[in-house]
Protein backbone atom coordinates (compact mmCIF):
# COMPACT_ATOMS: atom_id res chain seq x y z
CA MET A 1 19.08 -5.81 17.88
CA THR A 2 18.78 -8.59 15.16
CA MET A 3 17.73 -7.90 11.37
CA ALA A 4 14.21 -9.55 12.37
CA GLU A 5 13.69 -7.12 15.49
CA ASP A 6 14.96 -3.81 13.41
CA ARG A 7 12.69 -4.89 10.52
CA GLN A 8 9.03 -5.14 12.66
CA LEU A 9 6.96 -2.28 12.94
CA ARG A 10 5.15 -1.30 16.47
CA ILE A 11 1.41 -0.42 15.92
CA GLY A 12 -1.22 0.66 18.28
CA LEU A 13 -5.17 0.04 17.57
CA PRO A 14 -7.72 1.68 19.25
CA LYS A 15 -9.31 -0.54 22.27
CA GLY A 16 -13.12 0.01 23.48
CA SER A 17 -15.81 1.32 21.18
CA LEU A 18 -13.64 1.84 17.82
CA GLN A 19 -12.10 -1.81 18.54
CA ASN A 20 -14.32 -4.05 16.20
CA SER A 21 -15.00 -1.66 13.54
CA THR A 22 -11.08 -1.09 13.22
CA ILE A 23 -10.23 -5.12 13.58
CA GLU A 24 -12.64 -5.63 10.73
CA LEU A 25 -11.49 -2.86 8.50
CA LEU A 26 -7.97 -4.32 9.01
CA ARG A 27 -9.13 -7.60 8.08
CA LYS A 28 -10.83 -6.30 5.01
CA ALA A 29 -7.42 -4.63 4.39
CA GLY A 30 -6.08 -7.94 4.08
CA PHE A 31 -4.52 -8.86 7.73
CA SER A 32 -5.05 -11.71 9.24
CA VAL A 33 -5.85 -10.30 12.77
CA THR A 34 -6.58 -12.85 15.81
CA VAL A 35 -7.73 -11.00 18.93
CA ASP A 36 -7.14 -12.87 22.31
CA GLU A 37 -9.77 -11.29 24.63
CA ARG A 38 -7.28 -11.97 27.47
CA ALA A 39 -4.45 -10.19 25.90
CA TYR A 40 -3.66 -6.90 24.55
CA SER A 41 -1.40 -8.01 21.68
CA PRO A 42 -3.17 -9.41 18.81
CA ASP A 43 -1.32 -11.44 16.04
CA MET A 44 -1.67 -9.52 12.63
CA GLY A 45 -0.63 -12.67 10.59
CA ASP A 46 2.48 -10.91 9.28
CA ASP A 47 5.97 -10.88 11.04
CA GLU A 48 6.76 -7.32 10.45
CA LEU A 49 4.00 -5.88 12.39
CA TRP A 50 3.77 -6.12 16.19
CA ALA A 51 0.15 -4.72 17.38
CA VAL A 52 -0.99 -3.44 21.05
CA LEU A 53 -4.32 -2.62 21.84
CA LEU A 54 -4.69 0.55 24.06
CA ARG A 55 -7.14 2.97 24.78
CA ALA A 56 -7.30 5.72 21.47
CA GLN A 57 -6.91 8.39 24.47
CA GLU A 58 -3.49 7.11 25.48
CA LEU A 59 -2.19 5.91 22.18
CA PRO A 60 -1.37 9.85 21.13
CA LEU A 61 1.44 9.75 23.56
CA TYR A 62 2.82 6.24 23.41
CA ILE A 63 3.34 7.25 19.70
CA ASP A 64 4.74 10.83 20.30
CA HIS A 65 7.22 9.59 22.63
CA GLY A 66 8.72 6.54 20.21
CA VAL A 67 7.12 3.85 22.19
CA LEU A 68 5.04 2.90 19.43
CA ASP A 69 6.01 3.80 16.01
CA CYS A 70 2.46 4.49 14.79
CA GLY A 71 -1.60 4.02 15.12
CA LEU A 72 -4.99 4.34 14.72
CA THR A 73 -6.36 7.28 17.07
CA GLY A 74 -8.79 9.62 16.74
CA TYR A 75 -7.95 13.60 15.69
CA ASP A 76 -9.74 14.47 18.99
CA TRP A 77 -7.40 12.83 21.30
CA ILE A 78 -4.22 14.00 19.12
CA LEU A 79 -5.43 17.66 19.88
CA GLU A 80 -6.14 16.69 23.32
CA ARG A 81 -2.77 15.26 23.65
CA ASN A 82 -1.43 18.04 22.11
CA VAL A 83 1.16 16.21 20.12
CA ASP A 84 2.84 16.59 16.92
CA LEU A 85 2.46 13.58 15.00
CA VAL A 86 2.62 12.84 11.15
CA GLU A 87 -1.00 12.46 9.73
CA VAL A 88 -0.37 9.73 7.20
CA CYS A 89 -4.35 9.56 6.31
CA ASN A 90 -7.50 9.90 7.35
CA LEU A 91 -9.69 7.01 7.93
CA ILE A 92 -13.67 7.99 7.73
CA TYR A 93 -15.47 5.34 9.89
CA ALA A 94 -16.78 4.92 13.07
CA LYS A 95 -18.08 2.38 15.55
CA GLY A 96 -22.02 3.23 13.95
CA GLY A 97 -20.91 3.76 10.29
CA MET A 98 -19.08 6.08 7.53
CA ARG A 99 -19.16 9.34 9.00
CA PRO A 100 -16.75 11.50 11.08
CA TYR A 101 -17.45 12.14 14.92
CA ARG A 102 -18.46 15.52 15.97
CA TRP A 103 -17.66 17.19 18.88
CA VAL A 104 -20.05 19.85 20.28
CA LEU A 105 -21.37 22.07 22.90
CA ALA A 106 -24.58 21.28 24.40
CA VAL A 107 -26.91 22.27 27.35
CA HIS A 108 -30.18 21.77 28.31
CA GLU A 109 -33.16 22.78 26.05
CA SER A 110 -34.16 25.16 28.82
CA SER A 111 -30.58 27.01 29.28
CA ASP A 112 -30.20 30.44 28.00
CA ILE A 113 -26.81 29.66 27.07
CA ASN A 114 -26.43 30.26 22.96
CA SER A 115 -22.77 30.87 22.43
CA ILE A 116 -19.61 30.10 23.49
CA GLU A 117 -19.56 33.63 25.23
CA ASP A 118 -22.44 32.83 27.57
CA LEU A 119 -20.34 30.23 29.04
CA GLN A 120 -18.54 33.23 31.12
CA GLY A 121 -18.30 31.93 34.63
CA LYS A 122 -20.10 28.53 33.83
CA ARG A 123 -19.16 24.72 34.79
CA ILE A 124 -18.49 22.49 31.46
CA ALA A 125 -18.44 19.05 32.18
CA THR A 126 -16.04 16.83 29.45
CA GLU A 127 -13.33 14.37 28.34
CA LEU A 128 -11.54 17.10 26.24
CA VAL A 129 -10.36 19.33 28.93
CA SER A 130 -7.30 20.80 27.56
CA VAL A 131 -9.05 21.32 23.87
CA THR A 132 -12.48 22.85 25.74
CA GLU A 133 -9.88 24.91 27.81
CA ARG A 134 -7.84 26.38 24.70
CA LEU A 135 -11.32 27.06 22.99
CA LEU A 136 -12.24 29.33 25.67
CA ALA A 137 -9.09 31.19 25.96
CA GLU A 138 -9.36 31.93 22.07
CA HIS A 139 -12.94 33.46 22.91
CA GLY A 140 -11.74 35.49 26.06
CA VAL A 141 -14.07 33.45 28.27
CA GLU A 142 -13.61 32.15 31.81
CA ALA A 143 -15.08 29.12 32.98
CA GLU A 144 -14.88 26.00 34.77
CA VAL A 145 -13.85 23.10 32.88
CA GLU A 146 -14.12 19.54 34.59
CA PHE A 147 -13.38 15.99 33.55
CA SER A 148 -16.06 14.06 32.90
CA TRP A 149 -15.65 10.00 33.53
CA GLY A 150 -18.35 9.20 31.26
CA ALA A 151 -22.62 9.67 31.13
CA THR A 152 -21.23 13.27 30.53
CA GLU A 153 -24.82 14.10 28.63
CA ALA A 154 -26.73 13.13 31.90
CA LYS A 155 -24.81 15.89 34.17
CA CYS A 156 -26.42 18.65 32.25
CA PRO A 157 -28.43 20.84 33.96
CA ASP A 158 -28.42 19.34 37.17
CA LEU A 159 -24.56 19.07 38.04
CA VAL A 160 -23.08 21.23 35.17
CA ASP A 161 -24.29 24.22 32.66
CA ALA A 162 -22.61 22.75 29.56
CA VAL A 163 -21.04 19.99 28.08
CA VAL A 164 -18.47 19.27 25.61
CA GLU A 165 -19.33 15.95 24.19
CA GLY A 166 -18.29 13.69 21.24
CA THR A 167 -21.73 12.59 18.99
CA GLU A 168 -22.33 10.47 15.94
CA THR A 169 -25.86 11.46 15.40
CA GLY A 170 -26.83 13.41 18.55
CA SER A 171 -29.45 10.61 19.41
CA THR A 172 -28.23 10.41 22.66
CA LEU A 173 -28.19 13.82 23.59
CA TYR A 174 -31.78 14.63 22.47
CA ALA A 175 -32.52 11.79 24.78
CA ASN A 176 -30.86 13.58 27.68
CA ASN A 177 -33.27 16.77 26.65
CA LEU A 178 -30.11 18.41 25.64
CA ARG A 179 -29.60 20.54 22.54
CA ILE A 180 -26.37 21.43 20.51
CA VAL A 181 -25.10 25.11 20.47
CA GLN A 182 -22.38 24.53 18.16
CA VAL A 183 -20.38 22.39 16.61
CA LEU A 184 -16.72 22.64 17.44
CA PHE A 185 -14.88 20.30 15.10
CA GLU A 186 -15.07 16.89 13.34
CA SER A 187 -12.98 14.02 14.51
CA CYS A 188 -11.94 11.25 12.63
CA THR A 189 -9.43 8.27 12.81
CA LYS A 190 -6.16 8.73 11.38
CA LEU A 191 -3.17 6.47 11.08
CA VAL A 192 -0.53 8.67 12.74
CA ALA A 193 3.30 8.01 13.00
CA ASN A 194 5.99 9.79 15.01
CA LYS A 195 8.41 11.80 13.27
CA GLU A 196 11.40 9.15 14.00
CA ALA A 197 9.35 6.32 12.44
CA TRP A 198 8.57 8.26 9.50
CA ALA A 199 11.89 9.31 8.71
CA ASP A 200 12.97 5.86 8.55
CA PRO A 201 12.88 4.37 5.08
CA TRP A 202 11.56 1.00 5.64
CA LYS A 203 9.09 1.88 8.38
CA ARG A 204 7.78 4.79 6.36
CA ALA A 205 7.22 2.52 3.33
CA LYS A 206 5.59 0.08 5.74
CA ILE A 207 3.49 2.58 7.44
CA GLU A 208 2.53 3.85 3.60
CA SER A 209 1.24 0.36 2.63
CA ILE A 210 -0.53 0.05 5.77
CA ALA A 211 -2.33 3.23 4.63
CA LEU A 212 -3.18 2.11 1.29
CA LEU A 213 -4.41 -0.88 2.21
CA LEU A 214 -6.76 0.49 4.51
CA ASN A 215 -7.83 3.31 2.45
CA ALA A 216 -8.40 0.79 -0.49
CA ALA A 217 -10.64 -1.30 1.90
CA LEU A 218 -12.91 2.03 3.11
CA GLU A 219 -13.33 2.78 -0.79
CA ALA A 220 -14.77 -0.69 -1.55
CA GLU A 221 -17.29 -0.26 1.52
CA ASN A 222 -19.86 1.22 -0.22
CA LYS A 223 -19.22 0.31 -4.01
CA VAL A 224 -19.95 -2.68 -6.07
CA GLY A 225 -18.84 -4.49 -9.49
CA LEU A 226 -21.10 -5.15 -11.92
CA LYS A 227 -20.47 -7.34 -15.01
CA MET A 228 -22.95 -7.54 -17.95
CA ASN A 229 -23.28 -8.54 -21.66
CA ALA A 230 -24.95 -6.21 -24.29
CA ARG A 231 -25.55 -6.31 -27.90
CA ALA A 232 -23.29 -3.63 -29.63
CA GLU A 233 -26.01 -1.71 -30.84
CA ASP A 234 -27.45 -1.34 -27.26
CA LEU A 235 -23.86 -0.47 -25.82
CA ASP A 236 -24.26 3.27 -26.07
CA ALA A 237 -27.43 3.13 -23.98
CA VAL A 238 -25.91 0.64 -21.59
CA ILE A 239 -22.94 2.73 -20.96
CA GLY A 240 -25.58 5.85 -20.30
CA CYS A 241 -27.12 4.37 -17.19
CA LEU A 242 -23.57 3.66 -15.90
CA PRO A 243 -22.02 6.50 -13.53
CA ALA A 244 -18.85 4.75 -13.64
CA LEU A 245 -15.91 5.32 -11.22
CA LYS A 246 -13.96 5.61 -14.95
CA LYS A 247 -14.99 4.08 -18.04
CA PRO A 248 -16.39 0.84 -17.95
CA THR A 249 -14.44 -2.09 -18.90
CA ILE A 250 -15.66 -3.50 -22.45
CA SER A 251 -14.52 -6.54 -24.20
CA PRO A 252 -16.00 -8.65 -27.25
CA LEU A 253 -17.43 -11.66 -26.26
CA ALA A 254 -15.72 -15.02 -27.92
CA ASN A 255 -18.20 -16.35 -30.29
CA GLY A 256 -20.50 -13.18 -30.20
CA GLY A 257 -22.11 -14.27 -32.99
CA ASP A 258 -23.69 -11.72 -35.79
CA ASP A 259 -25.00 -9.60 -32.90
CA LYS A 260 -21.74 -8.52 -31.87
CA TRP A 261 -21.87 -9.01 -28.06
CA VAL A 262 -19.95 -7.57 -25.58
CA ALA A 263 -18.87 -7.78 -21.82
CA VAL A 264 -19.14 -4.57 -19.68
CA GLU A 265 -17.51 -4.54 -16.32
CA THR A 266 -17.76 -1.62 -13.83
CA ILE A 267 -17.54 -0.05 -10.26
CA VAL A 268 -20.69 1.65 -8.71
CA ASP A 269 -21.96 3.08 -5.59
CA GLN A 270 -24.00 0.54 -3.88
CA LYS A 271 -26.86 3.16 -3.00
CA ILE A 272 -27.86 3.11 -6.62
CA VAL A 273 -27.76 -0.30 -7.59
CA LYS A 274 -31.25 -0.82 -7.05
CA ASP A 275 -32.77 1.46 -9.41
CA LEU A 276 -29.43 0.99 -11.85
CA ILE A 277 -30.39 -2.83 -12.57
CA PRO A 278 -33.84 -2.22 -13.79
CA ALA A 279 -32.38 0.32 -16.00
CA LEU A 280 -29.67 -1.26 -17.13
CA LYS A 281 -31.96 -4.08 -17.90
CA ALA A 282 -34.45 -1.90 -20.07
CA ALA A 283 -30.88 -0.74 -21.92
CA GLY A 284 -30.74 -3.89 -23.16
CA ALA A 285 -28.09 -5.50 -20.78
CA GLN A 286 -28.21 -9.11 -20.06
CA GLY A 287 -26.66 -11.63 -17.61
CA ILE A 288 -26.03 -8.87 -15.38
CA ILE A 289 -24.02 -9.67 -12.43
CA GLU A 290 -23.17 -7.74 -8.96
CA TYR A 291 -20.35 -8.82 -6.82
CA PRO A 292 -18.80 -7.28 -3.77
CA LEU A 293 -15.51 -5.68 -3.62
CA THR A 294 -12.72 -5.90 -0.86
CA LYS A 295 -10.59 -3.22 -1.77
CA VAL A 296 -10.64 -0.35 -4.43
CA VAL A 297 -7.49 1.28 -4.99
CA LEU A 298 -7.67 4.62 -6.69
């Protein structure tokens, strides 16, 4: 093996519903990802990275078996494959937004099933067959669990008595007249590695760098930077408006004059900006500038 081949990290990326949001996150993290729709190996813009697009369901096994060093896959599929991987970091994002993905036990709204124990002797459809069977065993319940190839929520109550299904908002379940009996667990995308890769100093450092950049890009998703000027006499009032990530940066303006103007810079949650900017203006801030962030390293 050449030095170039030895210094290459093999990473798996999820294909399917999470593909676009994952590629976008990688780009925000600084990777120049190029995806050919006819190929399964994206160009990462980094000679030290070789990537492949695979279903999230498949990735845990390929990583566990050492075919891949690391990858981004769901906690749900790690549980389903029952593999022992190093969980490097959680990445809270999904195809619909910045929220964990819930796996729930759901039944038709007319069902008399109200708990896991009520599943005794029933039929359940799910993609997470192993997880569901383990859950039933923990509660001493015997039931038939069948693998669902899709449209799981549409099978209840005509084909099955209950479903174990993943949902972000619950809207598809409700649209099919299902009610949630119990939230079983929350899942999110995780950056994971096999233990052999994690034990390799170079690969571990590379994986940790990827984790740092991905987390920094996610941290920046809902935050913005603010710059403004203020007179020294108004500074306390201006700072009092700021729920800053940390204390704001304050520096004197060149040629500040007798009023002793200063520049103030900080980072805030984007959701509060529409109320914050008018408050800052009223407190004496001027020349207020809002700008987007690509990465925030905490």
